[in-house]
Amino acid sequence: MVTHSTEEGRRAFAALLIEKLNVLSARRKRNDVMSQQLRAIEVSLKIFL
């Protein structure tokens, strides 16, 4: 069992935390891109209507 009180445990915890943060960051970037695309579609629709 690895605990936070050992160097190995702290490294494992840090690696897991970094992995989770990277997943959240990628999800946020995808959401930002999708929002930009939706805004572009809305603007295009307003121009044609």
PDB file of N, CA and C in Angstrom:
ATOM      1  N   MET A   1       0.843  -1.184   0.000  1.00  0.00           N
ATOM      2  CA  MET A   1       0.000   0.000   0.000  1.00  0.00           C
ATOM      3  C   MET A   1       0.885   1.243   0.000  1.00  0.00           C
ATOM      4  N   VAL A   2       0.550   2.198  -0.836  1.00  0.00           N
ATOM      5  CA  VAL A   2       1.324   3.429  -0.946  1.00  0.00           C
ATOM      6  C   VAL A   2       0.572   4.532  -0.212  1.00  0.00           C
ATOM      7  N   THR A   3       1.296   5.265   0.632  1.00  0.00           N
ATOM      8  CA  THR A   3       0.664   6.361   1.368  1.00  0.00           C
ATOM      9  C   THR A   3       1.349   7.677   1.037  1.00  0.00           C
ATOM     10  N   HIS A   4       0.682   8.751   1.390  1.00  0.00           N
ATOM     11  CA  HIS A   4       1.226  10.090   1.126  1.00  0.00           C
ATOM     12  C   HIS A   4       2.435  10.404   2.004  1.00  0.00           C
ATOM     13  N   SER A   5       2.669   9.596   3.011  1.00  0.00           N
ATOM     14  CA  SER A   5       3.769   9.898   3.929  1.00  0.00           C
ATOM     15  C   SER A   5       5.120   9.438   3.389  1.00  0.00           C
ATOM     16  N   THR A   6       5.133   8.705   2.285  1.00  0.00           N
ATOM     17  CA  THR A   6       6.397   8.276   1.693  1.00  0.00           C
ATOM     18  C   THR A   6       6.635   9.055   0.401  1.00  0.00           C
ATOM     19  N   GLU A   7       7.885   9.099  -0.002  1.00  0.00           N
ATOM     20  CA  GLU A   7       8.215   9.785  -1.253  1.00  0.00           C
ATOM     21  C   GLU A   7       7.519   9.109  -2.427  1.00  0.00           C
ATOM     22  N   GLU A   8       7.510   7.789  -2.426  1.00  0.00           N
ATOM     23  CA  GLU A   8       6.844   7.038  -3.492  1.00  0.00           C
ATOM     24  C   GLU A   8       5.344   7.354  -3.521  1.00  0.00           C
ATOM     25  N   GLY A   9       4.751   7.444  -2.358  1.00  0.00           N
ATOM     26  CA  GLY A   9       3.327   7.759  -2.264  1.00  0.00           C
ATOM     27  C   GLY A   9       3.021   9.163  -2.755  1.00  0.00           C
ATOM     28  N   ARG A  10       3.880  10.105  -2.393  1.00  0.00           N
ATOM     29  CA  ARG A  10       3.682  11.486  -2.854  1.00  0.00           C
ATOM     30  C   ARG A  10       3.825  11.583  -4.364  1.00  0.00           C
ATOM     31  N   ARG A  11       4.773  10.831  -4.919  1.00  0.00           N
ATOM     32  CA  ARG A  11       4.954  10.829  -6.381  1.00  0.00           C
ATOM     33  C   ARG A  11       3.735  10.218  -7.079  1.00  0.00           C
ATOM     34  N   ALA A  12       3.226   9.129  -6.524  1.00  0.00           N
ATOM     35  CA  ALA A  12       2.048   8.480  -7.105  1.00  0.00           C
ATOM     36  C   ALA A  12       0.842   9.414  -7.032  1.00  0.00           C
ATOM     37  N   PHE A  13       0.668  10.076  -5.896  1.00  0.00           N
ATOM     38  CA  PHE A  13      -0.441  11.012  -5.731  1.00  0.00           C
ATOM     39  C   PHE A  13      -0.311  12.172  -6.716  1.00  0.00           C
ATOM     40  N   ALA A  14       0.893  12.717  -6.850  1.00  0.00           N
ATOM     41  CA  ALA A  14       1.121  13.834  -7.775  1.00  0.00           C
ATOM     42  C   ALA A  14       0.841  13.406  -9.215  1.00  0.00           C
ATOM     43  N   ALA A  15       1.281  12.214  -9.591  1.00  0.00           N
ATOM     44  CA  ALA A  15       1.049  11.727 -10.953  1.00  0.00           C
ATOM     45  C   ALA A  15      -0.445  11.570 -11.222  1.00  0.00           C
ATOM     46  N   LEU A  16      -1.174  11.025 -10.259  1.00  0.00           N
ATOM     47  CA  LEU A  16      -2.619  10.855 -10.408  1.00  0.00           C
ATOM     48  C   LEU A  16      -3.319  12.207 -10.510  1.00  0.00           C
ATOM     49  N   LEU A  17      -2.905  13.143  -9.667  1.00  0.00           N
ATOM     50  CA  LEU A  17      -3.496  14.477  -9.684  1.00  0.00           C
ATOM     51  C   LEU A  17      -3.242  15.177 -11.021  1.00  0.00           C
ATOM     52  N   ILE A  18      -2.028  15.080 -11.523  1.00  0.00           N
ATOM     53  CA  ILE A  18      -1.683  15.686 -12.812  1.00  0.00           C
ATOM     54  C   ILE A  18      -2.513  15.070 -13.930  1.00  0.00           C
ATOM     55  N   GLU A  19      -2.679  13.751 -13.897  1.00  0.00           N
ATOM     56  CA  GLU A  19      -3.482  13.069 -14.913  1.00  0.00           C
ATOM     57  C   GLU A  19      -4.927  13.573 -14.891  1.00  0.00           C
ATOM     58  N   LYS A  20      -5.504  13.681 -13.712  1.00  0.00           N
ATOM     59  CA  LYS A  20      -6.886  14.155 -13.593  1.00  0.00           C
ATOM     60  C   LYS A  20      -7.013  15.611 -14.046  1.00  0.00           C
ATOM     61  N   LEU A  21      -6.043  16.439 -13.694  1.00  0.00           N
ATOM     62  CA  LEU A  21      -6.078  17.840 -14.118  1.00  0.00           C
ATOM     63  C   LEU A  21      -5.951  17.968 -15.631  1.00  0.00           C
ATOM     64  N   ASN A  22      -5.132  17.122 -16.239  1.00  0.00           N
ATOM     65  CA  ASN A  22      -4.996  17.142 -17.697  1.00  0.00           C
ATOM     66  C   ASN A  22      -6.301  16.749 -18.378  1.00  0.00           C
ATOM     67  N   VAL A  23      -7.007  15.771 -17.806  1.00  0.00           N
ATOM     68  CA  VAL A  23      -8.306  15.373 -18.356  1.00  0.00           C
ATOM     69  C   VAL A  23      -9.290  16.537 -18.265  1.00  0.00           C
ATOM     70  N   LEU A  24      -9.332  17.193 -17.110  1.00  0.00           N
ATOM     71  CA  LEU A  24     -10.236  18.333 -16.937  1.00  0.00           C
ATOM     72  C   LEU A  24      -9.880  19.479 -17.879  1.00  0.00           C
ATOM     73  N   SER A  25      -8.591  19.716 -18.058  1.00  0.00           N
ATOM     74  CA  SER A  25      -8.140  20.780 -18.957  1.00  0.00           C
ATOM     75  C   SER A  25      -8.552  20.481 -20.398  1.00  0.00           C
ATOM     76  N   ALA A  26      -8.378  19.239 -20.829  1.00  0.00           N
ATOM     77  CA  ALA A  26      -8.759  18.853 -22.190  1.00  0.00           C
ATOM     78  C   ALA A  26     -10.264  18.990 -22.380  1.00  0.00           C
ATOM     79  N   ARG A  27     -11.032  18.602 -21.363  1.00  0.00           N
ATOM     80  CA  ARG A  27     -12.493  18.721 -21.447  1.00  0.00           C
ATOM     81  C   ARG A  27     -12.903  20.184 -21.565  1.00  0.00           C
ATOM     82  N   ARG A  28     -12.251  21.034 -20.798  1.00  0.00           N
ATOM     83  CA  ARG A  28     -12.581  22.464 -20.848  1.00  0.00           C
ATOM     84  C   ARG A  28     -12.240  23.062 -22.212  1.00  0.00           C
ATOM     85  N   LYS A  29     -11.092  22.659 -22.764  1.00  0.00           N
ATOM     86  CA  LYS A  29     -10.707  23.160 -24.089  1.00  0.00           C
ATOM     87  C   LYS A  29     -11.716  22.729 -25.148  1.00  0.00           C
ATOM     88  N   ARG A  30     -12.173  21.459 -25.072  1.00  0.00           N
ATOM     89  CA  ARG A  30     -13.189  20.986 -26.024  1.00  0.00           C
ATOM     90  C   ARG A  30     -14.471  21.794 -25.883  1.00  0.00           C
ATOM     91  N   ASN A  31     -14.863  22.072 -24.652  1.00  0.00           N
ATOM     92  CA  ASN A  31     -16.072  22.865 -24.415  1.00  0.00           C
ATOM     93  C   ASN A  31     -15.921  24.275 -24.976  1.00  0.00           C
ATOM     94  N   ASP A  32     -14.740  24.866 -24.796  1.00  0.00           N
ATOM     95  CA  ASP A  32     -14.492  26.210 -25.327  1.00  0.00           C
ATOM     96  C   ASP A  32     -14.584  26.221 -26.851  1.00  0.00           C
ATOM     97  N   VAL A  33     -13.995  25.210 -27.486  1.00  0.00           N
ATOM     98  CA  VAL A  33     -14.035  25.118 -28.948  1.00  0.00           C
ATOM     99  C   VAL A  33     -15.472  24.940 -29.416  1.00  0.00           C
ATOM    100  N   MET A  34     -16.220  24.078 -28.734  1.00  0.00           N
ATOM    101  CA  MET A  34     -17.610  23.856 -29.123  1.00  0.00           C
ATOM    102  C   MET A  34     -18.431  25.134 -28.961  1.00  0.00           C
ATOM    103  N   SER A  35     -18.188  25.882 -27.901  1.00  0.00           N
ATOM    104  CA  SER A  35     -18.898  27.147 -27.689  1.00  0.00           C
ATOM    105  C   SER A  35     -18.587  28.137 -28.804  1.00  0.00           C
ATOM    106  N   GLN A  36     -17.330  28.199 -29.208  1.00  0.00           N
ATOM    107  CA  GLN A  36     -16.950  29.095 -30.300  1.00  0.00           C
ATOM    108  C   GLN A  36     -17.639  28.689 -31.599  1.00  0.00           C
ATOM    109  N   GLN A  37     -17.706  27.387 -31.856  1.00  0.00           N
ATOM    110  CA  GLN A  37     -18.363  26.908 -33.069  1.00  0.00           C
ATOM    111  C   GLN A  37     -19.855  27.234 -33.043  1.00  0.00           C
ATOM    112  N   LEU A  38     -20.492  27.058 -31.893  1.00  0.00           N
ATOM    113  CA  LEU A  38     -21.915  27.377 -31.779  1.00  0.00           C
ATOM    114  C   LEU A  38     -22.169  28.867 -31.987  1.00  0.00           C
ATOM    115  N   ARG A  39     -21.293  29.714 -31.431  1.00  0.00           N
ATOM    116  CA  ARG A  39     -21.436  31.159 -31.640  1.00  0.00           C
ATOM    117  C   ARG A  39     -21.294  31.505 -33.123  1.00  0.00           C
ATOM    118  N   ALA A  40     -20.353  30.866 -33.798  1.00  0.00           N
ATOM    119  CA  ALA A  40     -20.157  31.124 -35.227  1.00  0.00           C
ATOM    120  C   ALA A  40     -21.395  30.714 -36.019  1.00  0.00           C
ATOM    121  N   ILE A  41     -22.000  29.601 -35.649  1.00  0.00           N
ATOM    122  CA  ILE A  41     -23.224  29.155 -36.323  1.00  0.00           C
ATOM    123  C   ILE A  41     -24.350  30.146 -36.070  1.00  0.00           C
ATOM    124  N   GLU A  42     -24.483  30.600 -34.838  1.00  0.00           N
ATOM    125  CA  GLU A  42     -25.533  31.574 -34.510  1.00  0.00           C
ATOM    126  C   GLU A  42     -25.360  32.859 -35.315  1.00  0.00           C
ATOM    127  N   VAL A  43     -24.135  33.327 -35.422  1.00  0.00           N
ATOM    128  CA  VAL A  43     -23.859  34.548 -36.192  1.00  0.00           C
ATOM    129  C   VAL A  43     -24.205  34.319 -37.657  1.00  0.00           C
ATOM    130  N   SER A  44     -23.829  33.160 -38.185  1.00  0.00           N
ATOM    131  CA  SER A  44     -24.136  32.847 -39.583  1.00  0.00           C
ATOM    132  C   SER A  44     -25.634  32.815 -39.815  1.00  0.00           C
ATOM    133  N   LEU A  45     -26.370  32.234 -38.889  1.00  0.00           N
ATOM    134  CA  LEU A  45     -27.825  32.160 -39.034  1.00  0.00           C
ATOM    135  C   LEU A  45     -28.459  33.541 -38.972  1.00  0.00           C
ATOM    136  N   LYS A  46     -27.943  34.405 -38.121  1.00  0.00           N
ATOM    137  CA  LYS A  46     -28.490  35.761 -38.011  1.00  0.00           C
ATOM    138  C   LYS A  46     -28.257  36.545 -39.295  1.00  0.00           C
ATOM    139  N   ILE A  47     -27.132  36.310 -39.940  1.00  0.00           N
ATOM    140  CA  ILE A  47     -26.817  37.008 -41.189  1.00  0.00           C
ATOM    141  C   ILE A  47     -27.789  36.583 -42.283  1.00  0.00           C
ATOM    142  N   PHE A  48     -28.115  35.293 -42.341  1.00  0.00           N
ATOM    143  CA  PHE A  48     -28.984  34.779 -43.400  1.00  0.00           C
ATOM    144  C   PHE A  48     -30.456  35.030 -43.125  1.00  0.00           C
ATOM    145  N   LEU A  49     -30.810  35.310 -41.893  1.00  0.00           N
ATOM    146  CA  LEU A  49     -32.224  35.544 -41.575  1.00  0.00           C
ATOM    147  C   LEU A  49     -32.499  36.980 -41.578  1.00  0.00           C
TER     148      LEU A  49
END
